[in-house]
Amino acid sequence: MKKGQTGELQTATKLSSRIQFLLLNFQISNLQIW
């Protein structure tokens, strides 16, 4: 693997995990509202 591809893969992984984290917080806050 090229270094560029590895960097992009790590960035995508961090981005997806951050999105999942935000979605989880969003769902929790929705539960607290209801």
PDB file of N, CA and C in Angstrom:
ATOM      1  N   MET A   1       0.832  -1.206   0.000  1.00  0.00           N
ATOM      2  CA  MET A   1       0.000   0.000   0.000  1.00  0.00           C
ATOM      3  C   MET A   1       0.870   1.261   0.000  1.00  0.00           C
ATOM      4  N   LYS A   2       0.428   2.246  -0.717  1.00  0.00           N
ATOM      5  CA  LYS A   2       1.158   3.512  -0.725  1.00  0.00           C
ATOM      6  C   LYS A   2       0.832   4.287   0.551  1.00  0.00           C
ATOM      7  N   LYS A   3       1.736   5.172   0.920  1.00  0.00           N
ATOM      8  CA  LYS A   3       1.512   5.948   2.143  1.00  0.00           C
ATOM      9  C   LYS A   3       0.263   6.817   2.013  1.00  0.00           C
ATOM     10  N   GLY A   4       0.048   7.359   0.825  1.00  0.00           N
ATOM     11  CA  GLY A   4      -1.124   8.213   0.615  1.00  0.00           C
ATOM     12  C   GLY A   4      -2.418   7.455   0.836  1.00  0.00           C
ATOM     13  N   GLN A   5      -2.485   6.225   0.309  1.00  0.00           N
ATOM     14  CA  GLN A   5      -3.701   5.424   0.464  1.00  0.00           C
ATOM     15  C   GLN A   5      -3.926   5.092   1.938  1.00  0.00           C
ATOM     16  N   THR A   6      -2.844   4.785   2.655  1.00  0.00           N
ATOM     17  CA  THR A   6      -2.980   4.459   4.079  1.00  0.00           C
ATOM     18  C   THR A   6      -3.493   5.670   4.845  1.00  0.00           C
ATOM     19  N   GLY A   7      -2.961   6.847   4.530  1.00  0.00           N
ATOM     20  CA  GLY A   7      -3.403   8.065   5.200  1.00  0.00           C
ATOM     21  C   GLY A   7      -4.873   8.344   4.944  1.00  0.00           C
ATOM     22  N   GLU A   8      -5.288   8.155   3.693  1.00  0.00           N
ATOM     23  CA  GLU A   8      -6.696   8.375   3.357  1.00  0.00           C
ATOM     24  C   GLU A   8      -7.583   7.387   4.099  1.00  0.00           C
ATOM     25  N   LEU A   9      -7.097   6.141   4.214  1.00  0.00           N
ATOM     26  CA  LEU A   9      -7.884   5.113   4.902  1.00  0.00           C
ATOM     27  C   LEU A   9      -8.038   5.471   6.373  1.00  0.00           C
ATOM     28  N   GLN A  10      -6.941   5.926   6.991  1.00  0.00           N
ATOM     29  CA  GLN A  10      -7.006   6.302   8.408  1.00  0.00           C
ATOM     30  C   GLN A  10      -7.942   7.492   8.596  1.00  0.00           C
ATOM     31  N   THR A  11      -7.872   8.452   7.668  1.00  0.00           N
ATOM     32  CA  THR A  11      -8.748   9.624   7.758  1.00  0.00           C
ATOM     33  C   THR A  11     -10.209   9.216   7.640  1.00  0.00           C
ATOM     34  N   ALA A  12     -10.496   8.322   6.707  1.00  0.00           N
ATOM     35  CA  ALA A  12     -11.870   7.862   6.512  1.00  0.00           C
ATOM     36  C   ALA A  12     -12.361   7.114   7.748  1.00  0.00           C
ATOM     37  N   THR A  13     -11.472   6.325   8.351  1.00  0.00           N
ATOM     38  CA  THR A  13     -11.855   5.576   9.553  1.00  0.00           C
ATOM     39  C   THR A  13     -12.149   6.539  10.698  1.00  0.00           C
ATOM     40  N   LYS A  14     -11.302   7.540  10.871  1.00  0.00           N
ATOM     41  CA  LYS A  14     -11.534   8.519  11.934  1.00  0.00           C
ATOM     42  C   LYS A  14     -12.826   9.269  11.684  1.00  0.00           C
ATOM     43  N   LEU A  15     -13.065   9.623  10.422  1.00  0.00           N
ATOM     44  CA  LEU A  15     -14.264  10.383  10.074  1.00  0.00           C
ATOM     45  C   LEU A  15     -15.515   9.568  10.354  1.00  0.00           C
ATOM     46  N   SER A  16     -15.513   8.297   9.945  1.00  0.00           N
ATOM     47  CA  SER A  16     -16.697   7.449  10.142  1.00  0.00           C
ATOM     48  C   SER A  16     -16.935   7.202  11.627  1.00  0.00           C
ATOM     49  N   SER A  17     -15.862   7.020  12.399  1.00  0.00           N
ATOM     50  CA  SER A  17     -16.035   6.786  13.834  1.00  0.00           C
ATOM     51  C   SER A  17     -16.557   8.052  14.500  1.00  0.00           C
ATOM     52  N   ARG A  18     -16.126   9.217  14.030  1.00  0.00           N
ATOM     53  CA  ARG A  18     -16.624  10.478  14.587  1.00  0.00           C
ATOM     54  C   ARG A  18     -18.092  10.664  14.258  1.00  0.00           C
ATOM     55  N   ILE A  19     -18.471  10.298  13.025  1.00  0.00           N
ATOM     56  CA  ILE A  19     -19.886  10.401  12.621  1.00  0.00           C
ATOM     57  C   ILE A  19     -20.746   9.475  13.476  1.00  0.00           C
ATOM     58  N   GLN A  20     -20.264   8.243  13.696  1.00  0.00           N
ATOM     59  CA  GLN A  20     -21.005   7.300  14.542  1.00  0.00           C
ATOM     60  C   GLN A  20     -21.137   7.857  15.950  1.00  0.00           C
ATOM     61  N   PHE A  21     -20.063   8.491  16.455  1.00  0.00           N
ATOM     62  CA  PHE A  21     -20.090   9.067  17.794  1.00  0.00           C
ATOM     63  C   PHE A  21     -21.119  10.197  17.869  1.00  0.00           C
ATOM     64  N   LEU A  22     -21.154  11.044  16.847  1.00  0.00           N
ATOM     65  CA  LEU A  22     -22.111  12.150  16.824  1.00  0.00           C
ATOM     66  C   LEU A  22     -23.537  11.623  16.725  1.00  0.00           C
ATOM     67  N   LEU A  23     -23.734  10.587  15.887  1.00  0.00           N
ATOM     68  CA  LEU A  23     -25.072  10.003  15.760  1.00  0.00           C
ATOM     69  C   LEU A  23     -25.524   9.404  17.082  1.00  0.00           C
ATOM     70  N   LEU A  24     -24.600   8.756  17.795  1.00  0.00           N
ATOM     71  CA  LEU A  24     -24.931   8.161  19.083  1.00  0.00           C
ATOM     72  C   LEU A  24     -25.336   9.252  20.080  1.00  0.00           C
ATOM     73  N   ASN A  25     -24.576  10.337  20.122  1.00  0.00           N
ATOM     74  CA  ASN A  25     -24.917  11.448  21.008  1.00  0.00           C
ATOM     75  C   ASN A  25     -26.266  12.041  20.623  1.00  0.00           C
ATOM     76  N   PHE A  26     -26.539  12.125  19.319  1.00  0.00           N
ATOM     77  CA  PHE A  26     -27.802  12.669  18.835  1.00  0.00           C
ATOM     78  C   PHE A  26     -28.964  11.802  19.296  1.00  0.00           C
ATOM     79  N   GLN A  27     -28.814  10.485  19.175  1.00  0.00           N
ATOM     80  CA  GLN A  27     -29.867   9.563  19.603  1.00  0.00           C
ATOM     81  C   GLN A  27     -30.082   9.663  21.103  1.00  0.00           C
ATOM     82  N   ILE A  28     -29.009   9.765  21.870  1.00  0.00           N
ATOM     83  CA  ILE A  28     -29.122   9.861  23.332  1.00  0.00           C
ATOM     84  C   ILE A  28     -29.843  11.154  23.716  1.00  0.00           C
ATOM     85  N   SER A  29     -29.478  12.269  23.054  1.00  0.00           N
ATOM     86  CA  SER A  29     -30.130  13.541  23.378  1.00  0.00           C
ATOM     87  C   SER A  29     -31.603  13.497  22.997  1.00  0.00           C
ATOM     88  N   ASN A  30     -31.942  12.808  21.915  1.00  0.00           N
ATOM     89  CA  ASN A  30     -33.346  12.656  21.525  1.00  0.00           C
ATOM     90  C   ASN A  30     -34.099  11.853  22.584  1.00  0.00           C
ATOM     91  N   LEU A  31     -33.467  10.812  23.106  1.00  0.00           N
ATOM     92  CA  LEU A  31     -34.113  10.014  24.146  1.00  0.00           C
ATOM     93  C   LEU A  31     -34.341  10.863  25.393  1.00  0.00           C
ATOM     94  N   GLN A  32     -33.387  11.709  25.712  1.00  0.00           N
ATOM     95  CA  GLN A  32     -33.524  12.554  26.908  1.00  0.00           C
ATOM     96  C   GLN A  32     -34.645  13.575  26.721  1.00  0.00           C
ATOM     97  N   ILE A  33     -34.808  14.061  25.471  1.00  0.00           N
ATOM     98  CA  ILE A  33     -35.882  15.028  25.198  1.00  0.00           C
ATOM     99  C   ILE A  33     -37.236  14.374  25.410  1.00  0.00           C
ATOM    100  N   TRP A  34     -37.381  13.145  24.909  1.00  0.00           N
ATOM    101  CA  TRP A  34     -38.657  12.451  25.065  1.00  0.00           C
ATOM    102  C   TRP A  34     -38.768  11.903  26.475  1.00  0.00           C
TER     103      TRP A  34
END
